Amino acid sequence: MPIATSSPTAPAPRRAHIRRGGLALAALLLVGSSCKRGEDATAPAGGGVHPLAAEAARMPGFDIEGSGAGPPSSEDVPYERFYVTVGDAPVMGPRDAPVTLVAFSDFECPYCEQGHHTVQQLMREYRGKLRLAYKAFPLNFHPHAMIAALAARSAHDQGKFWEFHDLLLSQRGLDMDRIIRYAQQVHLDMESLARDIDELKYGVSVRRDMRQARRLGVRGTPAYFINGRFISGAKPIEELRAIIDEELDLAKTWRKNGVASSETYAHAIADGYRAVEYEESRRDLDPDTIYNVPIGDSPRRGPDDALITIVEYGDFECPFCARGNATLERIRERYRGKVRVVYKNLPLPFHAHAYMAARAGVQARLEGKFWEFHDAIYKTHAQFDEAALVKIAKALGLNAREFKAAITSDVHDAAIAQDMALAHTLGVRGTPAYFINGRAIAGAVPEMEFRITVLEELERAEAALASGVSRAELYDHLTASSG
């Protein structure tokens, strides 16, 4: 199935603020990246595969959304279709329209702008017969797309979604100044808008759209589903007209067969595909999978019964890990008392002092000073050597003789090797990598993206507690295999 994607290039992220409302948004636009592990990466000798790694190998992860039905089976519903729920999406057009078009869109995508004008024309031509539903699919290389999607949801809450939507897609290019200007133009409450974005009020809703899109095989924007029939990219209007006309004819047949007008869409998609799996093997961590990540005896800080457990795979000499640690510290501060952080080692072979630093961390832990060491070494921003490690140890009051012996021998290599073996089993390919209640994040992603995942997992944790799961069993429950 050919998939059209948006432009492969994008302007560099800009720092910006919502000026009316007084809430800064610049920190939400941090650029993320990661150090990648080479295919031939090896660890110094010591230690085999730890039982925790074997455990994870048996339970690598599961899709909490579930995968579902096979191809359409109803005799009167031809063509390949997908089960695309409308949910809480903004909708234009009558609920009982014979044709429903669900659009997955990115406000910063020029092809979405092109497709938008086509869809506007179709809404005029098929007035009363066509219903349009918007779903957010902001692409990660468009620096303002997520903010625009969040702002659009806020506009929806204020009853002004479509006016704002049309302005966002009215011309090529998007930045914070335009988003603010368009919000003012449709008379949004700017204080409410700023508060909604600062709190990421609609982050989980937007992320839910994105997970649905990926599950359905969407890989770029725009993507349209017409009564569940997938159209990828901004196609000529004639192509969409032909499909709509076919669906109108089918709807007449369904009504003759007793399908109520209000049930037309449900009938069209009932046997559609619920999920798409591509034949090529996945090389990166899957953001839509919950991974079973055993904590073992790894160092941790925060309440043992915290709602959120973040397992970090780090390399002390990785600059992206240092950047990610700064984000993680802001997360810990914002969600104080709700977050537990667990650290695991993944020193990369092309960082000259990374393995030595990992050994130093294990030694510091033996003397009860792991987190003090962790924080001190990240303050170097990945710029250190052996002498700097020794200096940190002395400042922390560690035993100098034992410390020097530990970082220059293999005494702690077995412990490091077990972390690395588990990382390999889970599919971690670079640093930093985080698992938030088992949900994977690869790289030093923008704080906004990190926070949205935390909010998703807070919601999932609170639902589990409400169902009777105890706080002591919460992490195991949230990361357990579905079987």
Protein backbone atom coordinates (compact mmCIF):
# COMPACT_ATOMS: atom_id res chain seq x y z
CA MET A 1 0.00 0.00 0.00
CA PRO A 2 1.72 3.22 -1.09
CA ILE A 3 1.93 5.81 1.66
CA ALA A 4 2.41 9.52 0.91
CA THR A 5 4.30 11.53 3.48
CA SER A 6 4.74 15.18 4.13
CA SER A 7 7.78 17.20 3.18
CA PRO A 8 11.01 15.62 4.51
CA THR A 9 12.48 18.93 5.56
CA ALA A 10 11.34 21.50 8.06
CA PRO A 11 12.58 24.81 9.44
CA ALA A 12 14.52 24.81 12.66
CA PRO A 13 12.42 25.07 15.83
CA ARG A 14 11.87 28.59 17.18
CA ARG A 15 11.51 29.75 20.75
CA ALA A 16 8.17 31.47 21.23
CA HIS A 17 5.65 32.50 23.85
CA ILE A 18 1.93 33.05 24.00
CA ARG A 19 2.13 36.69 24.86
CA ARG A 20 -1.42 37.14 26.10
CA GLY A 21 -1.87 34.75 28.98
CA GLY A 22 1.64 35.08 30.33
CA LEU A 23 2.60 31.38 30.11
CA ALA A 24 5.92 30.58 28.44
CA LEU A 25 5.92 27.80 25.84
CA ALA A 26 9.52 27.92 24.67
CA ALA A 27 10.62 24.98 26.81
CA LEU A 28 8.03 22.79 25.10
CA LEU A 29 9.84 23.12 21.78
CA LEU A 30 13.21 21.63 22.78
CA VAL A 31 14.88 19.63 20.05
CA GLY A 32 15.37 15.96 20.89
CA SER A 33 17.83 13.39 19.67
CA SER A 34 19.86 10.43 20.83
CA CYS A 35 23.16 8.63 20.61
CA LYS A 36 22.81 5.47 18.53
CA ARG A 37 24.42 2.20 19.42
CA GLY A 38 26.46 0.54 16.68
CA GLU A 39 25.50 -2.89 15.41
CA ASP A 40 28.84 -4.31 16.57
CA ALA A 41 28.75 -2.71 20.00
CA THR A 42 30.22 -4.96 22.65
CA ALA A 43 30.79 -4.66 26.38
CA PRO A 44 33.98 -5.47 28.23
CA ALA A 45 34.17 -9.05 29.38
CA GLY A 46 32.10 -10.10 32.34
CA GLY A 47 28.72 -11.62 32.97
CA GLY A 48 26.30 -13.45 30.72
CA VAL A 49 22.60 -12.90 30.11
CA HIS A 50 20.93 -12.18 33.43
CA PRO A 51 17.66 -13.95 34.34
CA LEU A 52 15.87 -10.58 34.14
CA ALA A 53 16.83 -10.33 30.49
CA ALA A 54 15.57 -13.84 29.87
CA GLU A 55 12.30 -12.87 31.56
CA ALA A 56 11.94 -9.84 29.33
CA ALA A 57 12.72 -11.95 26.27
CA ARG A 58 9.71 -14.09 27.03
CA MET A 59 7.50 -11.01 27.46
CA PRO A 60 8.84 -8.34 25.10
CA GLY A 61 5.72 -6.24 24.94
CA PHE A 62 2.11 -6.06 23.96
CA ASP A 63 -0.17 -3.64 22.15
CA ILE A 64 -2.61 -2.27 24.72
CA GLU A 65 -4.96 -1.08 21.98
CA GLY A 66 -5.32 -4.58 20.66
CA SER A 67 -5.39 -5.74 17.09
CA GLY A 68 -8.60 -6.87 15.63
CA ALA A 69 -10.76 -8.05 12.85
CA GLY A 70 -9.79 -9.37 9.49
CA PRO A 71 -11.00 -8.05 6.12
CA PRO A 72 -14.61 -7.08 5.50
CA SER A 73 -16.94 -10.06 5.40
CA SER A 74 -20.36 -8.49 4.81
CA GLU A 75 -21.52 -9.31 1.30
CA ASP A 76 -23.01 -5.85 0.77
CA VAL A 77 -19.88 -3.95 1.95
CA PRO A 78 -17.27 -4.22 -0.81
CA TYR A 79 -13.76 -2.72 -0.93
CA GLU A 80 -11.01 -2.83 1.65
CA ARG A 81 -12.06 -0.88 4.74
CA PHE A 82 -10.72 0.12 8.14
CA TYR A 83 -12.49 0.45 11.46
CA VAL A 84 -12.03 4.17 12.09
CA THR A 85 -13.95 5.38 15.13
CA VAL A 86 -14.93 9.04 15.23
CA GLY A 87 -14.85 9.26 19.03
CA ASP A 88 -14.61 12.80 20.38
CA ALA A 89 -13.27 14.28 17.13
CA PRO A 90 -14.57 17.65 15.94
CA VAL A 91 -17.24 16.95 13.33
CA MET A 92 -18.90 18.97 10.57
CA GLY A 93 -22.02 17.77 8.79
CA PRO A 94 -25.06 15.68 9.82
CA ARG A 95 -24.47 12.68 12.08
CA ASP A 96 -26.64 10.50 9.80
CA ALA A 97 -24.87 11.53 6.59
CA PRO A 98 -24.48 8.54 4.25
CA VAL A 99 -20.75 9.22 3.88
CA THR A 100 -18.25 10.03 6.62
CA LEU A 101 -14.77 11.32 5.79
CA VAL A 102 -12.23 11.09 8.63
CA ALA A 103 -9.17 13.27 7.97
CA PHE A 104 -5.85 12.76 9.78
CA SER A 105 -4.08 16.07 9.38
CA ASP A 106 -1.00 18.12 10.34
CA PHE A 107 -1.52 21.88 10.34
CA GLU A 108 2.10 22.48 9.28
CA CYS A 109 1.95 20.11 6.31
CA PRO A 110 1.62 21.87 2.91
CA TYR A 111 -0.04 18.77 1.44
CA CYS A 112 -2.69 18.95 4.18
CA GLU A 113 -3.38 22.52 3.08
CA GLN A 114 -3.79 21.32 -0.49
CA GLY A 115 -6.07 18.47 0.60
CA HIS A 116 -8.05 20.82 2.84
CA HIS A 117 -9.15 22.96 -0.10
CA THR A 118 -10.25 19.80 -1.91
CA VAL A 119 -12.27 18.63 1.10
CA GLN A 120 -13.87 22.08 1.44
CA GLN A 121 -15.05 21.82 -2.16
CA LEU A 122 -16.44 18.33 -1.53
CA MET A 123 -18.32 19.53 1.56
CA ARG A 124 -20.00 22.17 -0.61
CA GLU A 125 -20.81 19.74 -3.43
CA TYR A 126 -22.18 17.03 -1.14
CA ARG A 127 -23.86 19.28 1.41
CA GLY A 128 -26.01 17.20 3.77
CA LYS A 129 -24.59 13.94 2.41
CA LEU A 130 -21.02 14.19 3.68
CA ARG A 131 -19.78 14.37 7.27
CA LEU A 132 -16.19 15.46 8.04
CA ALA A 133 -14.29 14.45 11.18
CA TYR A 134 -10.87 15.87 12.09
CA LYS A 135 -8.12 13.79 13.71
CA ALA A 136 -4.70 15.14 14.72
CA PHE A 137 -1.53 13.59 13.31
CA PRO A 138 1.24 16.17 13.88
CA LEU A 139 4.52 14.97 12.37
CA ASN A 140 7.59 15.17 14.58
CA PHE A 141 9.69 17.10 12.05
CA HIS A 142 7.17 19.96 12.01
CA PRO A 143 8.13 22.02 15.08
CA HIS A 144 4.80 23.83 15.49
CA ALA A 145 2.41 21.05 14.47
CA MET A 146 1.80 19.68 17.97
CA ILE A 147 1.21 23.14 19.47
CA ALA A 148 -1.24 23.86 16.64
CA ALA A 149 -3.06 20.57 17.27
CA LEU A 150 -3.34 21.32 20.99
CA ALA A 151 -4.54 24.86 20.27
CA ALA A 152 -7.15 23.51 17.86
CA ARG A 153 -8.52 21.22 20.55
CA SER A 154 -8.73 24.20 22.89
CA ALA A 155 -10.60 26.09 20.16
CA HIS A 156 -12.98 23.13 19.89
CA ASP A 157 -13.70 23.40 23.61
CA GLN A 158 -14.54 27.07 23.03
CA GLY A 159 -16.88 26.19 20.16
CA LYS A 160 -14.67 27.71 17.45
CA PHE A 161 -12.79 24.75 16.06
CA TRP A 162 -13.62 24.96 12.36
CA GLU A 163 -12.97 28.70 12.04
CA PHE A 164 -9.56 28.18 13.68
CA HIS A 165 -8.92 25.00 11.66
CA ASP A 166 -9.54 26.79 8.38
CA LEU A 167 -7.20 29.65 9.26
CA LEU A 168 -4.41 27.25 10.27
CA LEU A 169 -4.68 25.60 6.87
CA SER A 170 -5.13 28.83 4.91
CA GLN A 171 -1.52 29.28 3.78
CA ARG A 172 1.84 27.53 3.68
CA GLY A 173 4.01 27.79 6.73
CA LEU A 174 3.15 27.98 10.38
CA ASP A 175 4.79 29.52 13.43
CA MET A 176 3.78 30.65 16.90
CA ASP A 177 3.00 34.19 15.77
CA ARG A 178 0.50 32.90 13.21
CA ILE A 179 -1.09 30.50 15.71
CA ILE A 180 -1.58 33.36 18.17
CA ARG A 181 -2.83 35.74 15.47
CA TYR A 182 -5.36 33.19 14.20
CA ALA A 183 -6.53 32.50 17.76
CA GLN A 184 -7.13 36.20 18.29
CA GLN A 185 -8.83 36.49 14.92
CA VAL A 186 -11.51 33.95 15.90
CA HIS A 187 -11.78 35.58 19.33
CA LEU A 188 -10.52 32.70 21.45
CA ASP A 189 -10.12 33.31 25.15
CA MET A 190 -6.34 33.69 25.13
CA GLU A 191 -5.96 33.09 28.88
CA SER A 192 -7.78 29.78 28.55
CA LEU A 193 -5.77 28.86 25.46
CA ALA A 194 -2.46 29.58 27.21
CA ARG A 195 -3.53 27.61 30.27
CA ASP A 196 -4.72 24.65 28.18
CA ILE A 197 -1.40 24.45 26.35
CA ASP A 198 0.71 24.93 29.45
CA GLU A 199 -1.20 22.14 31.20
CA LEU A 200 -1.32 20.01 28.01
CA LYS A 201 -5.03 19.66 28.69
CA TYR A 202 -5.68 17.99 25.34
CA GLY A 203 -2.35 16.20 24.99
CA VAL A 204 -3.82 12.78 25.71
CA SER A 205 -6.63 13.35 23.18
CA VAL A 206 -4.16 14.34 20.46
CA ARG A 207 -1.91 11.40 21.28
CA ARG A 208 -4.93 9.09 21.13
CA ASP A 209 -5.57 10.28 17.56
CA MET A 210 -1.93 9.65 16.70
CA ARG A 211 -1.96 6.13 18.10
CA GLN A 212 -5.16 5.36 16.21
CA ALA A 213 -3.60 6.63 12.99
CA ARG A 214 -0.46 4.51 13.37
CA ARG A 215 -2.54 1.46 14.24
CA LEU A 216 -4.47 1.95 11.01
CA GLY A 217 -1.29 2.17 8.94
CA VAL A 218 -1.10 5.95 8.54
CA ARG A 219 2.49 7.03 8.01
CA GLY A 220 2.10 10.52 6.63
CA THR A 221 -0.34 13.35 6.08
CA PRO A 222 -2.92 13.99 4.90
CA ALA A 223 -4.65 10.63 5.28
CA TYR A 224 -8.36 10.20 4.62
CA PHE A 225 -10.82 7.41 5.37
CA ILE A 226 -14.08 7.62 3.42
CA ASN A 227 -16.51 5.28 5.10
CA GLY A 228 -13.40 3.41 6.16
CA ARG A 229 -11.72 3.36 2.73
CA PHE A 230 -8.14 4.59 2.99
CA ILE A 231 -6.81 7.37 0.74
CA SER A 232 -3.25 8.47 1.38
CA GLY A 233 -2.07 11.92 0.38
CA ALA A 234 -3.67 14.92 -1.30
CA LYS A 235 -5.40 13.26 -4.26
CA PRO A 236 -7.19 14.91 -7.20
CA ILE A 237 -10.76 15.82 -6.38
CA GLU A 238 -12.03 13.49 -9.12
CA GLU A 239 -10.62 10.49 -7.27
CA LEU A 240 -12.39 11.41 -4.05
CA ARG A 241 -15.63 12.21 -5.88
CA ALA A 242 -15.63 8.75 -7.44
CA ILE A 243 -15.32 7.07 -4.04
CA ILE A 244 -17.99 9.27 -2.46
CA ASP A 245 -20.38 8.53 -5.33
CA GLU A 246 -19.77 4.79 -4.89
CA GLU A 247 -20.48 5.11 -1.18
CA LEU A 248 -23.68 7.06 -1.79
CA ASP A 249 -24.93 4.29 -4.09
CA LEU A 250 -24.01 1.68 -1.48
CA ALA A 251 -25.79 3.66 1.24
CA LYS A 252 -29.02 3.58 -0.82
CA THR A 253 -28.72 -0.20 -1.06
CA TRP A 254 -28.08 -0.52 2.68
CA ARG A 255 -31.14 1.57 3.48
CA LYS A 256 -33.27 -0.66 1.24
CA ASN A 257 -31.89 -3.63 3.19
CA GLY A 258 -33.00 -2.11 6.47
CA VAL A 259 -29.91 -0.24 7.68
CA ALA A 260 -31.05 2.95 9.42
CA SER A 261 -29.57 6.23 8.22
CA SER A 262 -28.03 6.79 11.65
CA GLU A 263 -26.24 3.42 11.40
CA THR A 264 -24.79 3.83 7.90
CA TYR A 265 -21.26 4.60 9.00
CA ALA A 266 -21.23 1.88 11.64
CA HIS A 267 -22.41 -0.60 9.00
CA ALA A 268 -19.73 0.51 6.52
CA ILE A 269 -16.82 0.04 8.91
CA ALA A 270 -18.11 -2.80 11.11
CA ASP A 271 -15.87 -5.48 9.60
CA GLY A 272 -12.98 -3.21 8.72
CA TYR A 273 -9.40 -3.83 9.67
CA ARG A 274 -8.68 -2.82 13.25
CA ALA A 275 -4.89 -2.73 12.93
CA VAL A 276 -2.17 -2.86 10.31
CA GLU A 277 1.12 -4.68 10.75
CA TYR A 278 3.86 -4.16 8.18
CA GLU A 279 5.99 -7.06 7.07
CA GLU A 280 9.30 -5.26 7.53
CA SER A 281 10.80 -5.79 10.97
CA ARG A 282 10.71 -2.88 13.40
CA ARG A 283 14.16 -1.54 14.17
CA ASP A 284 13.21 1.06 16.75
CA LEU A 285 11.20 1.03 19.92
CA ASP A 286 7.47 1.06 19.26
CA PRO A 287 5.74 4.02 20.97
CA ASP A 288 2.43 2.16 20.86
CA THR A 289 3.62 -0.93 22.71
CA ILE A 290 3.82 -1.48 26.45
CA TYR A 291 7.13 -3.18 27.26
CA ASN A 292 7.68 -5.40 30.24
CA VAL A 293 10.78 -3.83 31.81
CA PRO A 294 11.87 -5.60 35.01
CA ILE A 295 13.31 -3.16 37.53
CA GLY A 296 15.40 -5.74 39.36
CA ASP A 297 17.80 -4.21 41.84
CA SER A 298 18.56 -1.12 39.74
CA PRO A 299 18.92 2.18 41.61
CA ARG A 300 15.69 4.09 41.93
CA ARG A 301 14.42 7.27 43.55
CA GLY A 302 10.88 8.29 44.28
CA PRO A 303 8.08 6.39 46.02
CA ASP A 304 8.01 2.63 45.40
CA ASP A 305 4.24 2.89 44.93
CA ALA A 306 4.44 5.87 42.55
CA LEU A 307 1.81 6.12 39.83
CA ILE A 308 4.56 6.61 37.24
CA THR A 309 7.76 4.57 36.96
CA ILE A 310 10.31 5.86 34.46
CA VAL A 311 13.10 3.44 33.61
CA GLU A 312 15.99 5.32 32.03
CA TYR A 313 18.70 3.73 29.90
CA GLY A 314 21.59 6.16 29.94
CA ASP A 315 25.21 6.72 28.99
CA PHE A 316 26.90 9.34 31.17
CA GLU A 317 29.06 10.50 28.25
CA CYS A 318 26.11 10.96 25.88
CA PRO A 319 25.24 14.67 25.49
CA PHE A 320 21.66 13.78 24.64
CA CYS A 321 21.40 11.89 27.92
CA ALA A 322 22.51 15.04 29.73
CA ARG A 323 19.83 16.99 27.87
CA GLY A 324 17.25 14.29 28.60
CA ASN A 325 18.21 14.29 32.27
CA ALA A 326 17.44 18.01 32.49
CA THR A 327 13.98 17.29 31.06
CA LEU A 328 13.52 14.37 33.42
CA GLU A 329 14.36 16.56 36.41
CA ARG A 330 11.67 19.05 35.38
CA ILE A 331 9.22 16.15 35.07
CA ARG A 332 10.11 14.96 38.57
CA GLU A 333 9.59 18.45 39.94
CA ARG A 334 6.26 18.99 38.16
CA TYR A 335 4.83 15.62 39.19
CA ARG A 336 6.45 15.49 42.62
CA GLY A 337 5.45 12.40 44.59
CA LYS A 338 3.93 10.68 41.55
CA VAL A 339 7.14 9.65 39.75
CA ARG A 340 9.76 7.00 40.46
CA VAL A 341 12.93 6.99 38.35
CA VAL A 342 14.98 3.84 37.78
CA TYR A 343 18.42 4.01 36.17
CA LYS A 344 20.00 1.33 33.96
CA ASN A 345 23.36 1.48 32.20
CA LEU A 346 23.90 1.43 28.47
CA PRO A 347 27.45 2.76 27.90
CA LEU A 348 28.12 3.10 24.18
CA PRO A 349 31.39 1.81 22.72
CA PHE A 350 32.31 5.02 20.88
CA HIS A 351 32.30 7.07 24.09
CA ALA A 352 35.80 6.71 25.51
CA HIS A 353 34.90 7.13 29.18
CA ALA A 354 31.30 5.86 29.22
CA TYR A 355 32.05 2.38 30.52
CA MET A 356 34.39 3.77 33.16
CA ALA A 357 31.63 6.15 34.27
CA ALA A 358 29.13 3.28 34.44
CA ARG A 359 31.57 1.39 36.71
CA ALA A 360 31.93 4.54 38.81
CA GLY A 361 28.15 4.71 39.19
CA VAL A 362 27.96 1.12 40.43
CA GLN A 363 30.75 1.80 42.92
CA ALA A 364 29.04 4.98 44.13
CA ARG A 365 25.88 2.99 44.68
CA LEU A 366 27.72 0.50 46.87
CA GLU A 367 28.62 3.42 49.12
CA GLY A 368 25.07 4.80 49.08
CA LYS A 369 25.84 7.74 46.80
CA PHE A 370 24.56 6.71 43.36
CA TRP A 371 22.14 9.56 42.80
CA GLU A 372 24.60 12.13 44.11
CA PHE A 373 27.11 10.76 41.60
CA HIS A 374 24.47 10.61 38.85
CA ASP A 375 23.54 14.26 39.34
CA ALA A 376 27.15 15.43 39.63
CA ILE A 377 28.32 13.72 36.46
CA TYR A 378 25.38 15.00 34.42
CA LYS A 379 26.34 18.50 35.50
CA THR A 380 29.50 18.05 33.38
CA HIS A 381 27.24 17.86 30.27
CA ALA A 382 29.06 14.69 29.15
CA GLN A 383 32.45 16.43 29.26
CA PHE A 384 34.67 14.45 31.64
CA ASP A 385 37.67 12.13 31.85
CA GLU A 386 39.11 9.79 34.47
CA ALA A 387 40.51 12.67 36.50
CA ALA A 388 37.08 14.33 36.58
CA LEU A 389 35.49 11.10 37.81
CA VAL A 390 38.00 10.88 40.64
CA LYS A 391 37.36 14.53 41.51
CA ILE A 392 33.61 13.87 41.75
CA ALA A 393 34.26 10.82 43.95
CA LYS A 394 36.38 12.87 46.33
CA ALA A 395 33.76 15.62 46.50
CA LEU A 396 31.16 13.01 47.45
CA GLY A 397 33.40 11.51 50.10
CA LEU A 398 33.78 8.13 48.38
CA ASN A 399 36.68 5.84 49.27
CA ALA A 400 39.33 7.05 46.82
CA ARG A 401 41.34 3.84 46.72
CA GLU A 402 38.35 1.58 46.17
CA PHE A 403 36.89 3.98 43.63
CA LYS A 404 40.04 4.04 41.49
CA ALA A 405 40.29 0.26 41.64
CA ALA A 406 36.62 -0.13 40.62
CA ILE A 407 36.75 2.09 37.55
CA THR A 408 39.91 0.46 36.20
CA SER A 409 38.92 -3.18 36.74
CA ASP A 410 36.07 -5.49 35.74
CA VAL A 411 34.69 -5.91 39.25
CA HIS A 412 31.35 -4.26 38.34
CA ASP A 413 31.14 -5.35 34.72
CA ALA A 414 28.68 -8.18 35.34
CA ALA A 415 26.13 -5.72 36.76
CA ILE A 416 26.57 -3.40 33.77
CA ALA A 417 26.35 -6.34 31.37
CA GLN A 418 22.98 -7.42 32.73
CA ASP A 419 21.57 -3.92 32.07
CA MET A 420 22.97 -4.03 28.54
CA ALA A 421 21.57 -7.50 27.89
CA LEU A 422 18.10 -6.39 28.95
CA ALA A 423 18.41 -3.31 26.72
CA HIS A 424 19.29 -5.52 23.75
CA THR A 425 16.31 -7.79 24.48
CA LEU A 426 13.94 -4.83 24.65
CA GLY A 427 15.26 -3.38 21.38
CA VAL A 428 16.98 -0.30 22.80
CA ARG A 429 19.35 0.94 20.12
CA GLY A 430 20.62 4.22 21.52
CA THR A 431 20.63 6.56 24.46
CA PRO A 432 18.79 7.96 26.17
CA ALA A 433 15.82 5.59 26.15
CA TYR A 434 12.95 5.79 28.61
CA PHE A 435 10.13 3.45 29.53
CA ILE A 436 7.23 5.26 31.22
CA ASN A 437 5.14 2.55 32.86
CA GLY A 438 6.52 0.43 30.03
CA ARG A 439 5.73 2.98 27.30
CA ALA A 440 8.85 3.65 25.24
CA ILE A 441 10.40 7.01 24.38
CA ALA A 442 13.59 6.97 22.32
CA GLY A 443 15.90 9.96 22.54
CA ALA A 444 15.94 13.29 24.33
CA VAL A 445 12.52 14.29 23.10
CA PRO A 446 10.96 17.71 23.74
CA GLU A 447 9.56 18.12 27.23
CA MET A 448 6.06 18.50 25.83
CA GLU A 449 6.20 15.04 24.24
CA PHE A 450 7.57 13.55 27.45
CA ARG A 451 4.84 15.19 29.52
CA ILE A 452 2.06 13.98 27.23
CA THR A 453 3.22 10.41 27.72
CA VAL A 454 3.35 10.95 31.49
CA LEU A 455 -0.22 12.29 31.39
CA GLU A 456 -1.35 9.26 29.38
CA GLU A 457 0.19 6.96 31.92
CA LEU A 458 -1.24 8.87 34.88
CA GLU A 459 -4.64 8.34 33.33
CA ARG A 460 -3.95 4.64 32.83
CA ALA A 461 -2.58 4.25 36.37
CA GLU A 462 -5.55 5.99 37.95
CA ALA A 463 -7.94 3.77 35.96
CA ALA A 464 -6.09 0.68 37.23
CA LEU A 465 -6.33 1.89 40.83
CA ALA A 466 -10.03 2.58 40.37
CA SER A 467 -10.49 -1.00 39.14
CA GLY A 468 -9.03 -2.37 42.37
CA VAL A 469 -5.33 -2.76 41.62
CA SER A 470 -3.24 -1.93 44.68
CA ARG A 471 -0.52 0.70 44.49
CA ALA A 472 2.06 -1.93 45.49
CA GLU A 473 1.11 -4.02 42.45
CA LEU A 474 0.56 -1.10 40.07
CA TYR A 475 3.80 -1.19 38.06
CA ASP A 476 3.66 -4.94 37.55
CA HIS A 477 0.02 -4.67 36.51
CA LEU A 478 0.64 -1.85 34.02
CA THR A 479 3.57 -3.62 32.38
CA ALA A 480 2.26 -7.18 32.53
CA SER A 481 1.99 -9.19 29.35
CA SER A 482 -1.48 -9.55 27.88
CA GLY A 483 -0.66 -13.20 27.21
